[in-house]
PDB file of N, CA and C in Angstrom:
ATOM      1  N   MET A   1       0.825  -1.193   0.000  1.00  0.00           N
ATOM      2  CA  MET A   1       0.000   0.000   0.000  1.00  0.00           C
ATOM      3  C   MET A   1       0.872   1.261   0.000  1.00  0.00           C
ATOM      4  N   LYS A   2       1.922   1.239   0.803  1.00  0.00           N
ATOM      5  CA  LYS A   2       2.806   2.403   0.889  1.00  0.00           C
ATOM      6  C   LYS A   2       3.515   2.635  -0.443  1.00  0.00           C
ATOM      7  N   CYS A   3       3.910   1.553  -1.108  1.00  0.00           N
ATOM      8  CA  CYS A   3       4.599   1.662  -2.400  1.00  0.00           C
ATOM      9  C   CYS A   3       3.654   2.241  -3.462  1.00  0.00           C
ATOM     10  N   ARG A   4       2.404   1.803  -3.452  1.00  0.00           N
ATOM     11  CA  ARG A   4       1.427   2.303  -4.413  1.00  0.00           C
ATOM     12  C   ARG A   4       1.219   3.812  -4.229  1.00  0.00           C
ATOM     13  N   THR A   5       1.132   4.256  -2.990  1.00  0.00           N
ATOM     14  CA  THR A   5       0.972   5.681  -2.702  1.00  0.00           C
ATOM     15  C   THR A   5       2.166   6.468  -3.217  1.00  0.00           C
ATOM     16  N   GLN A   6       3.354   5.929  -3.030  1.00  0.00           N
ATOM     17  CA  GLN A   6       4.557   6.603  -3.500  1.00  0.00           C
ATOM     18  C   GLN A   6       4.571   6.716  -5.020  1.00  0.00           C
ATOM     19  N   VAL A   7       4.134   5.674  -5.714  1.00  0.00           N
ATOM     20  CA  VAL A   7       4.078   5.702  -7.174  1.00  0.00           C
ATOM     21  C   VAL A   7       3.070   6.750  -7.647  1.00  0.00           C
ATOM     22  N   ILE A   8       1.922   6.814  -7.004  1.00  0.00           N
ATOM     23  CA  ILE A   8       0.895   7.795  -7.375  1.00  0.00           C
ATOM     24  C   ILE A   8       1.404   9.210  -7.139  1.00  0.00           C
ATOM     25  N   VAL A   9       2.033   9.434  -5.996  1.00  0.00           N
ATOM     26  CA  VAL A   9       2.566  10.766  -5.687  1.00  0.00           C
ATOM     27  C   VAL A   9       3.655  11.144  -6.679  1.00  0.00           C
ATOM     28  N   ALA A  10       4.555  10.206  -6.990  1.00  0.00           N
ATOM     29  CA  ALA A  10       5.634  10.488  -7.946  1.00  0.00           C
ATOM     30  C   ALA A  10       5.066  10.808  -9.330  1.00  0.00           C
ATOM     31  N   THR A  11       4.028  10.096  -9.741  1.00  0.00           N
ATOM     32  CA  THR A  11       3.406  10.354 -11.041  1.00  0.00           C
ATOM     33  C   THR A  11       2.760  11.730 -11.075  1.00  0.00           C
ATOM     34  N   LEU A  12       2.043  12.072 -10.029  1.00  0.00           N
ATOM     35  CA  LEU A  12       1.397  13.390  -9.982  1.00  0.00           C
ATOM     36  C   LEU A  12       2.428  14.520  -9.957  1.00  0.00           C
ATOM     37  N   ILE A  13       3.528  14.323  -9.251  1.00  0.00           N
ATOM     38  CA  ILE A  13       4.592  15.330  -9.231  1.00  0.00           C
ATOM     39  C   ILE A  13       5.207  15.456 -10.620  1.00  0.00           C
ATOM     40  N   GLY A  14       5.459  14.326 -11.269  1.00  0.00           N
ATOM     41  CA  GLY A  14       6.033  14.358 -12.614  1.00  0.00           C
ATOM     42  C   GLY A  14       5.128  15.046 -13.614  1.00  0.00           C
ATOM     43  N   VAL A  15       3.842  14.745 -13.541  1.00  0.00           N
ATOM     44  CA  VAL A  15       2.884  15.372 -14.457  1.00  0.00           C
ATOM     45  C   VAL A  15       2.801  16.865 -14.180  1.00  0.00           C
ATOM     46  N   SER A  16       2.834  17.245 -12.916  1.00  0.00           N
ATOM     47  CA  SER A  16       2.749  18.677 -12.602  1.00  0.00           C
ATOM     48  C   SER A  16       4.010  19.415 -13.045  1.00  0.00           C
ATOM     49  N   CYS A  17       5.131  18.729 -13.122  1.00  0.00           N
ATOM     50  CA  CYS A  17       6.364  19.375 -13.585  1.00  0.00           C
ATOM     51  C   CYS A  17       6.340  19.633 -15.088  1.00  0.00           C
ATOM     52  N   ILE A  18       5.760  18.732 -15.874  1.00  0.00           N
ATOM     53  CA  ILE A  18       5.732  18.939 -17.326  1.00  0.00           C
ATOM     54  C   ILE A  18       4.525  19.749 -17.758  1.00  0.00           C
ATOM     55  N   GLY A  19       3.549  19.859 -16.887  1.00  0.00           N
ATOM     56  CA  GLY A  19       2.338  20.605 -17.219  1.00  0.00           C
ATOM     57  C   GLY A  19       1.185  19.665 -17.503  1.00  0.00           C
ATOM     58  N   CYS A  20       0.054  20.240 -17.695  1.00  0.00           N
ATOM     59  CA  CYS A  20      -1.164  19.488 -17.971  1.00  0.00           C
ATOM     60  C   CYS A  20      -1.758  20.044 -19.256  1.00  0.00           C
ATOM     61  N   SER A  21      -2.028  19.188 -20.212  1.00  0.00           N
ATOM     62  CA  SER A  21      -2.535  19.686 -21.495  1.00  0.00           C
ATOM     63  C   SER A  21      -3.871  20.397 -21.332  1.00  0.00           C
ATOM     64  N   SER A  22      -4.692  19.936 -20.404  1.00  0.00           N
ATOM     65  CA  SER A  22      -5.989  20.565 -20.192  1.00  0.00           C
ATOM     66  C   SER A  22      -5.822  21.990 -19.655  1.00  0.00           C
ATOM     67  N   LEU A  23      -4.936  22.167 -18.704  1.00  0.00           N
ATOM     68  CA  LEU A  23      -4.697  23.508 -18.166  1.00  0.00           C
ATOM     69  C   LEU A  23      -3.970  24.378 -19.185  1.00  0.00           C
ATOM     70  N   ASP A  24      -3.057  23.782 -19.933  1.00  0.00           N
ATOM     71  CA  ASP A  24      -2.294  24.511 -20.950  1.00  0.00           C
ATOM     72  C   ASP A  24      -3.224  25.096 -22.010  1.00  0.00           C
ATOM     73  N   VAL A  25      -4.138  24.296 -22.505  1.00  0.00           N
ATOM     74  CA  VAL A  25      -5.033  24.741 -23.568  1.00  0.00           C
ATOM     75  C   VAL A  25      -6.013  25.800 -23.062  1.00  0.00           C
ATOM     76  N   ARG A  26      -6.442  25.687 -21.819  1.00  0.00           N
ATOM     77  CA  ARG A  26      -7.352  26.688 -21.262  1.00  0.00           C
ATOM     78  C   ARG A  26      -6.621  27.996 -20.975  1.00  0.00           C
ATOM     79  N   ASP A  27      -5.385  27.896 -20.531  1.00  0.00           N
ATOM     80  CA  ASP A  27      -4.600  29.090 -20.224  1.00  0.00           C
ATOM     81  C   ASP A  27      -4.289  29.892 -21.485  1.00  0.00           C
ATOM     82  N   GLN A  28      -4.000  29.196 -22.570  1.00  0.00           N
ATOM     83  CA  GLN A  28      -3.605  29.865 -23.807  1.00  0.00           C
ATOM     84  C   GLN A  28      -4.772  30.033 -24.791  1.00  0.00           C
ATOM     85  N   HIS A  29      -5.968  29.558 -24.432  1.00  0.00           N
ATOM     86  CA  HIS A  29      -7.170  29.660 -25.287  1.00  0.00           C
ATOM     87  C   HIS A  29      -6.891  29.089 -26.683  1.00  0.00           C
ATOM     88  N   LEU A  30      -6.291  27.897 -26.735  1.00  0.00           N
ATOM     89  CA  LEU A  30      -5.926  27.282 -28.010  1.00  0.00           C
ATOM     90  C   LEU A  30      -7.087  26.549 -28.672  1.00  0.00           C
ATOM     91  N   VAL A  31      -7.904  25.861 -27.873  1.00  0.00           N
ATOM     92  CA  VAL A  31      -8.992  25.055 -28.396  1.00  0.00           C
ATOM     93  C   VAL A  31     -10.230  25.351 -27.555  1.00  0.00           C
ATOM     94  N   SER A  32     -11.371  25.423 -28.171  1.00  0.00           N
ATOM     95  CA  SER A  32     -12.601  25.616 -27.415  1.00  0.00           C
ATOM     96  C   SER A  32     -13.520  24.422 -27.630  1.00  0.00           C
ATOM     97  N   GLY A  33     -14.579  24.397 -26.884  1.00  0.00           N
ATOM     98  CA  GLY A  33     -15.528  23.295 -26.998  1.00  0.00           C
ATOM     99  C   GLY A  33     -15.252  22.225 -25.963  1.00  0.00           C
ATOM    100  N   PRO A  34     -16.003  21.136 -26.013  1.00  0.00           N
ATOM    101  CA  PRO A  34     -15.825  20.079 -25.019  1.00  0.00           C
ATOM    102  C   PRO A  34     -14.503  19.323 -25.197  1.00  0.00           C
ATOM    103  N   TYR A  35     -13.934  18.931 -24.086  1.00  0.00           N
ATOM    104  CA  TYR A  35     -12.695  18.152 -24.017  1.00  0.00           C
ATOM    105  C   TYR A  35     -11.532  18.803 -24.787  1.00  0.00           C
ATOM    106  N   PRO A  36     -11.236  20.064 -24.529  1.00  0.00           N
ATOM    107  CA  PRO A  36     -10.142  20.701 -25.259  1.00  0.00           C
ATOM    108  C   PRO A  36      -8.776  20.134 -24.908  1.00  0.00           C
ATOM    109  N   GLY A  37      -8.581  19.747 -23.654  1.00  0.00           N
ATOM    110  CA  GLY A  37      -7.278  19.207 -23.251  1.00  0.00           C
ATOM    111  C   GLY A  37      -6.962  17.888 -23.927  1.00  0.00           C
ATOM    112  N   VAL A  38      -7.968  17.031 -24.049  1.00  0.00           N
ATOM    113  CA  VAL A  38      -7.766  15.736 -24.701  1.00  0.00           C
ATOM    114  C   VAL A  38      -7.534  15.929 -26.199  1.00  0.00           C
ATOM    115  N   ARG A  39      -8.273  16.862 -26.796  1.00  0.00           N
ATOM    116  CA  ARG A  39      -8.102  17.112 -28.229  1.00  0.00           C
ATOM    117  C   ARG A  39      -6.760  17.781 -28.531  1.00  0.00           C
ATOM    118  N   HIS A  40      -6.243  18.555 -27.576  1.00  0.00           N
ATOM    119  CA  HIS A  40      -4.959  19.243 -27.758  1.00  0.00           C
ATOM    120  C   HIS A  40      -3.770  18.363 -27.352  1.00  0.00           C
ATOM    121  N   TRP A  41      -4.019  17.241 -26.674  1.00  0.00           N
ATOM    122  CA  TRP A  41      -2.957  16.414 -26.118  1.00  0.00           C
ATOM    123  C   TRP A  41      -1.902  15.991 -27.144  1.00  0.00           C
ATOM    124  N   PRO A  42      -2.257  15.521 -28.356  1.00  0.00           N
ATOM    125  CA  PRO A  42      -1.211  15.149 -29.317  1.00  0.00           C
ATOM    126  C   PRO A  42      -0.282  16.314 -29.663  1.00  0.00           C
ATOM    127  N   THR A  43      -0.837  17.502 -29.787  1.00  0.00           N
ATOM    128  CA  THR A  43      -0.015  18.681 -30.060  1.00  0.00           C
ATOM    129  C   THR A  43       0.866  19.005 -28.864  1.00  0.00           C
ATOM    130  N   PHE A  44       0.319  18.863 -27.665  1.00  0.00           N
ATOM    131  CA  PHE A  44       1.068  19.095 -26.428  1.00  0.00           C
ATOM    132  C   PHE A  44       2.279  18.168 -26.358  1.00  0.00           C
ATOM    133  N   VAL A  45       2.070  16.891 -26.679  1.00  0.00           N
ATOM    134  CA  VAL A  45       3.173  15.917 -26.659  1.00  0.00           C
ATOM    135  C   VAL A  45       4.208  16.267 -27.728  1.00  0.00           C
ATOM    136  N   LYS A  46       3.750  16.610 -28.903  1.00  0.00           N
ATOM    137  CA  LYS A  46       4.662  16.968 -29.995  1.00  0.00           C
ATOM    138  C   LYS A  46       5.528  18.167 -29.605  1.00  0.00           C
ATOM    139  N   GLN A  47       4.930  19.154 -28.962  1.00  0.00           N
ATOM    140  CA  GLN A  47       5.679  20.341 -28.543  1.00  0.00           C
ATOM    141  C   GLN A  47       6.761  19.996 -27.524  1.00  0.00           C
ATOM    142  N   ARG A  48       6.505  19.001 -26.690  1.00  0.00           N
ATOM    143  CA  ARG A  48       7.486  18.628 -25.670  1.00  0.00           C
ATOM    144  C   ARG A  48       8.727  17.998 -26.301  1.00  0.00           C
ATOM    145  N   PHE A  49       8.626  17.477 -27.511  1.00  0.00           N
ATOM    146  CA  PHE A  49       9.767  16.826 -28.152  1.00  0.00           C
ATOM    147  C   PHE A  49      10.411  17.693 -29.230  1.00  0.00           C
ATOM    148  N   GLU A  50       9.821  18.844 -29.524  1.00  0.00           N
ATOM    149  CA  GLU A  50      10.424  19.738 -30.506  1.00  0.00           C
ATOM    150  C   GLU A  50      11.539  20.547 -29.850  1.00  0.00           C
ATOM    151  N   PRO A  51      12.594  20.866 -30.602  1.00  0.00           N
ATOM    152  CA  PRO A  51      13.648  21.705 -30.027  1.00  0.00           C
ATOM    153  C   PRO A  51      13.108  23.100 -29.726  1.00  0.00           C
ATOM    154  N   SER A  52      13.621  23.678 -28.662  1.00  0.00           N
ATOM    155  CA  SER A  52      13.162  25.004 -28.258  1.00  0.00           C
ATOM    156  C   SER A  52      14.335  25.973 -28.221  1.00  0.00           C
ATOM    157  N   GLU A  53      14.077  27.204 -28.599  1.00  0.00           N
ATOM    158  CA  GLU A  53      15.115  28.224 -28.553  1.00  0.00           C
ATOM    159  C   GLU A  53      15.089  28.971 -27.224  1.00  0.00           C
ATOM    160  N   SER A  54      14.072  28.741 -26.436  1.00  0.00           N
ATOM    161  CA  SER A  54      13.957  29.427 -25.152  1.00  0.00           C
ATOM    162  C   SER A  54      14.866  28.762 -24.117  1.00  0.00           C
ATOM    163  N   PRO A  55      15.700  29.539 -23.436  1.00  0.00           N
ATOM    164  CA  PRO A  55      16.603  28.942 -22.443  1.00  0.00           C
ATOM    165  C   PRO A  55      15.880  28.473 -21.186  1.00  0.00           C
ATOM    166  N   ILE A  56      14.652  28.922 -20.960  1.00  0.00           N
ATOM    167  CA  ILE A  56      13.939  28.510 -19.752  1.00  0.00           C
ATOM    168  C   ILE A  56      12.972  27.353 -20.003  1.00  0.00           C
ATOM    169  N   ASP A  57      12.874  26.876 -21.230  1.00  0.00           N
ATOM    170  CA  ASP A  57      11.972  25.774 -21.550  1.00  0.00           C
ATOM    171  C   ASP A  57      12.740  24.464 -21.423  1.00  0.00           C
ATOM    172  N   PHE A  58      12.646  23.837 -20.250  1.00  0.00           N
ATOM    173  CA  PHE A  58      13.371  22.599 -19.998  1.00  0.00           C
ATOM    174  C   PHE A  58      12.611  21.418 -20.582  1.00  0.00           C
ATOM    175  N   LYS A  59      13.296  20.618 -21.367  1.00  0.00           N
ATOM    176  CA  LYS A  59      12.700  19.420 -21.946  1.00  0.00           C
ATOM    177  C   LYS A  59      13.645  18.256 -21.666  1.00  0.00           C
ATOM    178  N   PHE A  60      13.079  17.154 -21.236  1.00  0.00           N
ATOM    179  CA  PHE A  60      13.884  16.012 -20.848  1.00  0.00           C
ATOM    180  C   PHE A  60      13.760  14.836 -21.809  1.00  0.00           C
ATOM    181  N   GLY A  61      13.052  15.010 -22.907  1.00  0.00           N
ATOM    182  CA  GLY A  61      12.952  13.978 -23.929  1.00  0.00           C
ATOM    183  C   GLY A  61      12.239  12.727 -23.455  1.00  0.00           C
ATOM    184  N   PRO A  62      12.849  11.564 -23.681  1.00  0.00           N
ATOM    185  CA  PRO A  62      12.191  10.290 -23.374  1.00  0.00           C
ATOM    186  C   PRO A  62      11.849  10.112 -21.892  1.00  0.00           C
ATOM    187  N   ILE A  63      12.535  10.826 -21.022  1.00  0.00           N
ATOM    188  CA  ILE A  63      12.243  10.715 -19.588  1.00  0.00           C
ATOM    189  C   ILE A  63      10.824  11.208 -19.304  1.00  0.00           C
ATOM    190  N   GLU A  64      10.349  12.151 -20.101  1.00  0.00           N
ATOM    191  CA  GLU A  64       9.013  12.720 -19.901  1.00  0.00           C
ATOM    192  C   GLU A  64       7.889  11.806 -20.380  1.00  0.00           C
ATOM    193  N   LEU A  65       8.183  10.860 -21.230  1.00  0.00           N
ATOM    194  CA  LEU A  65       7.140  10.064 -21.878  1.00  0.00           C
ATOM    195  C   LEU A  65       6.163   9.408 -20.898  1.00  0.00           C
ATOM    196  N   PRO A  66       6.613   8.755 -19.821  1.00  0.00           N
ATOM    197  CA  PRO A  66       5.626   8.160 -18.906  1.00  0.00           C
ATOM    198  C   PRO A  66       4.701   9.203 -18.280  1.00  0.00           C
ATOM    199  N   PHE A  67       5.254  10.384 -18.005  1.00  0.00           N
ATOM    200  CA  PHE A  67       4.433  11.431 -17.404  1.00  0.00           C
ATOM    201  C   PHE A  67       3.464  12.028 -18.422  1.00  0.00           C
ATOM    202  N   LEU A  68       3.900  12.108 -19.681  1.00  0.00           N
ATOM    203  CA  LEU A  68       3.000  12.577 -20.731  1.00  0.00           C
ATOM    204  C   LEU A  68       1.850  11.591 -20.929  1.00  0.00           C
ATOM    205  N   LEU A  69       2.155  10.307 -20.843  1.00  0.00           N
ATOM    206  CA  LEU A  69       1.101   9.293 -20.967  1.00  0.00           C
ATOM    207  C   LEU A  69       0.150   9.350 -19.778  1.00  0.00           C
ATOM    208  N   ALA A  70       0.688   9.636 -18.592  1.00  0.00           N
ATOM    209  CA  ALA A  70      -0.161   9.761 -17.400  1.00  0.00           C
ATOM    210  C   ALA A  70      -1.020  11.018 -17.473  1.00  0.00           C
ATOM    211  N   ASP A  71      -0.565  12.008 -18.237  1.00  0.00           N
ATOM    212  CA  ASP A  71      -1.307  13.256 -18.362  1.00  0.00           C
ATOM    213  C   ASP A  71      -2.628  13.072 -19.103  1.00  0.00           C
ATOM    214  N   LEU A  72      -2.695  12.142 -20.040  1.00  0.00           N
ATOM    215  CA  LEU A  72      -3.911  11.971 -20.846  1.00  0.00           C
ATOM    216  C   LEU A  72      -5.143  11.633 -20.001  1.00  0.00           C
ATOM    217  N   PRO A  73      -5.090  10.594 -19.145  1.00  0.00           N
ATOM    218  CA  PRO A  73      -6.297  10.328 -18.339  1.00  0.00           C
ATOM    219  C   PRO A  73      -6.580  11.429 -17.317  1.00  0.00           C
ATOM    220  N   LEU A  74      -5.525  12.082 -16.813  1.00  0.00           N
ATOM    221  CA  LEU A  74      -5.753  13.183 -15.876  1.00  0.00           C
ATOM    222  C   LEU A  74      -6.412  14.365 -16.578  1.00  0.00           C
ATOM    223  N   SER A  75      -5.981  14.648 -17.797  1.00  0.00           N
ATOM    224  CA  SER A  75      -6.602  15.722 -18.572  1.00  0.00           C
ATOM    225  C   SER A  75      -8.041  15.363 -18.930  1.00  0.00           C
ATOM    226  N   ALA A  76      -8.282  14.104 -19.242  1.00  0.00           N
ATOM    227  CA  ALA A  76      -9.654  13.665 -19.543  1.00  0.00           C
ATOM    228  C   ALA A  76     -10.544  13.842 -18.318  1.00  0.00           C
ATOM    229  N   GLY A  77     -10.024  13.522 -17.147  1.00  0.00           N
ATOM    230  CA  GLY A  77     -10.791  13.711 -15.914  1.00  0.00           C
ATOM    231  C   GLY A  77     -11.093  15.176 -15.654  1.00  0.00           C
ATOM    232  N   LEU A  78     -10.084  16.031 -15.821  1.00  0.00           N
ATOM    233  CA  LEU A  78     -10.289  17.467 -15.616  1.00  0.00           C
ATOM    234  C   LEU A  78     -11.253  18.027 -16.653  1.00  0.00           C
ATOM    235  N   ASP A  79     -11.110  17.595 -17.909  1.00  0.00           N
ATOM    236  CA  ASP A  79     -12.035  18.052 -18.951  1.00  0.00           C
ATOM    237  C   ASP A  79     -13.471  17.620 -18.651  1.00  0.00           C
ATOM    238  N   THR A  80     -13.627  16.436 -18.080  1.00  0.00           N
ATOM    239  CA  THR A  80     -14.964  15.956 -17.723  1.00  0.00           C
ATOM    240  C   THR A  80     -15.562  16.824 -16.619  1.00  0.00           C
ATOM    241  N   MET A  81     -14.734  17.173 -15.621  1.00  0.00           N
ATOM    242  CA  MET A  81     -15.232  18.028 -14.540  1.00  0.00           C
ATOM    243  C   MET A  81     -15.598  19.425 -15.057  1.00  0.00           C
ATOM    244  N   LEU A  82     -14.875  19.905 -16.061  1.00  0.00           N
ATOM    245  CA  LEU A  82     -15.113  21.247 -16.592  1.00  0.00           C
ATOM    246  C   LEU A  82     -16.048  21.258 -17.807  1.00  0.00           C
ATOM    247  N   LEU A  83     -16.624  20.112 -18.130  1.00  0.00           N
ATOM    248  CA  LEU A  83     -17.513  20.006 -19.292  1.00  0.00           C
ATOM    249  C   LEU A  83     -18.689  20.981 -19.247  1.00  0.00           C
ATOM    250  N   PRO A  84     -19.362  21.144 -18.106  1.00  0.00           N
ATOM    251  CA  PRO A  84     -20.459  22.133 -18.094  1.00  0.00           C
ATOM    252  C   PRO A  84     -19.989  23.540 -18.462  1.00  0.00           C
ATOM    253  N   ALA A  85     -18.835  23.933 -17.967  1.00  0.00           N
ATOM    254  CA  ALA A  85     -18.306  25.268 -18.296  1.00  0.00           C
ATOM    255  C   ALA A  85     -17.930  25.353 -19.769  1.00  0.00           C
ATOM    256  N   ASP A  86     -17.389  24.262 -20.321  1.00  0.00           N
ATOM    257  CA  ASP A  86     -17.018  24.260 -21.742  1.00  0.00           C
ATOM    258  C   ASP A  86     -18.242  24.361 -22.645  1.00  0.00           C
ATOM    259  N   ILE A  87     -19.361  23.841 -22.192  1.00  0.00           N
ATOM    260  CA  ILE A  87     -20.591  23.899 -22.988  1.00  0.00           C
ATOM    261  C   ILE A  87     -21.266  25.264 -22.835  1.00  0.00           C
ATOM    262  N   ILE A  88     -21.279  25.804 -21.628  1.00  0.00           N
ATOM    263  CA  ILE A  88     -21.955  27.070 -21.362  1.00  0.00           C
ATOM    264  C   ILE A  88     -21.192  28.257 -21.938  1.00  0.00           C
ATOM    265  N   ASP A  89     -19.858  28.226 -21.931  1.00  0.00           N
ATOM    266  CA  ASP A  89     -19.049  29.367 -22.369  1.00  0.00           C
ATOM    267  C   ASP A  89     -19.346  29.796 -23.809  1.00  0.00           C
ATOM    268  N   PRO A  90     -19.386  28.892 -24.799  1.00  0.00           N
ATOM    269  CA  PRO A  90     -19.725  29.346 -26.159  1.00  0.00           C
ATOM    270  C   PRO A  90     -21.142  29.915 -26.268  1.00  0.00           C
ATOM    271  N   ILE A  91     -22.059  29.390 -25.482  1.00  0.00           N
ATOM    272  CA  ILE A  91     -23.431  29.903 -25.499  1.00  0.00           C
ATOM    273  C   ILE A  91     -23.449  31.329 -24.959  1.00  0.00           C
ATOM    274  N   LYS A  92     -22.705  31.567 -23.856  1.00  0.00           N
ATOM    275  CA  LYS A  92     -22.632  32.919 -23.291  1.00  0.00           C
ATOM    276  C   LYS A  92     -21.982  33.877 -24.288  1.00  0.00           C
ATOM    277  N   ARG A  93     -20.923  33.429 -24.952  1.00  0.00           N
ATOM    278  CA  ARG A  93     -20.249  34.281 -25.932  1.00  0.00           C
ATOM    279  C   ARG A  93     -21.185  34.630 -27.087  1.00  0.00           C
ATOM    280  N   HIS A  94     -21.981  33.662 -27.534  1.00  0.00           N
ATOM    281  CA  HIS A  94     -22.925  33.899 -28.622  1.00  0.00           C
ATOM    282  C   HIS A  94     -23.964  34.944 -28.211  1.00  0.00           C
ATOM    283  N   HIS A  95     -24.499  34.807 -26.994  1.00  0.00           N
ATOM    284  CA  HIS A  95     -25.497  35.780 -26.526  1.00  0.00           C
ATOM    285  C   HIS A  95     -24.885  37.176 -26.405  1.00  0.00           C
ATOM    286  N   GLU A  96     -23.632  37.265 -25.973  1.00  0.00           N
ATOM    287  CA  GLU A  96     -22.974  38.570 -25.864  1.00  0.00           C
ATOM    288  C   GLU A  96     -22.769  39.178 -27.248  1.00  0.00           C
ATOM    289  N   GLU A  97     -22.419  38.330 -28.230  1.00  0.00           N
ATOM    290  CA  GLU A  97     -22.228  38.827 -29.601  1.00  0.00           C
ATOM    291  C   GLU A  97     -23.549  39.315 -30.184  1.00  0.00           C
ATOM    292  N   VAL A  98     -24.641  38.616 -29.891  1.00  0.00           N
ATOM    293  CA  VAL A  98     -25.957  39.034 -30.383  1.00  0.00           C
ATOM    294  C   VAL A  98     -26.339  40.374 -29.772  1.00  0.00           C
ATOM    295  N   LYS A  99     -26.075  40.538 -28.470  1.00  0.00           N
ATOM    296  CA  LYS A  99     -26.413  41.797 -27.790  1.00  0.00           C
ATOM    297  C   LYS A  99     -25.601  42.966 -28.352  1.00  0.00           C
ATOM    298  N   THR A 100     -24.315  42.741 -28.625  1.00  0.00           N
ATOM    299  CA  THR A 100     -23.455  43.824 -29.100  1.00  0.00           C
ATOM    300  C   THR A 100     -23.548  44.001 -30.617  1.00  0.00           C
ATOM    301  N   GLY A 101     -24.165  43.060 -31.313  1.00  0.00           N
ATOM    302  CA  GLY A 101     -24.336  43.162 -32.764  1.00  0.00           C
ATOM    303  C   GLY A 101     -23.116  42.785 -33.571  1.00  0.00           C
ATOM    304  N   LYS A 102     -22.235  41.984 -33.011  1.00  0.00           N
ATOM    305  CA  LYS A 102     -21.019  41.576 -33.747  1.00  0.00           C
ATOM    306  C   LYS A 102     -21.298  40.384 -34.621  1.00  0.00           C
TER     307      LYS A 102
END
């Protein structure tokens, strides 16, 4: 039991170090609609393996792969919890556009 807890904690720490695709996509407004983190996940993984010119963008290559794989179900869970907001937000935006005449 203690070993299982340690593995779960280590996985969550690793995922939090590389980021979460669901939080990344919401922070940068990259994708809208339901399940944006899951839909953005392949791009998120691809970006982690592309060379970066930024000196502060740390990438560890293959070491990150298990944490990137663990990120997918965690992002799916977060996207599921935020599904009502993802559905309501475009409706609110549409009503605001109708009111302002855009």
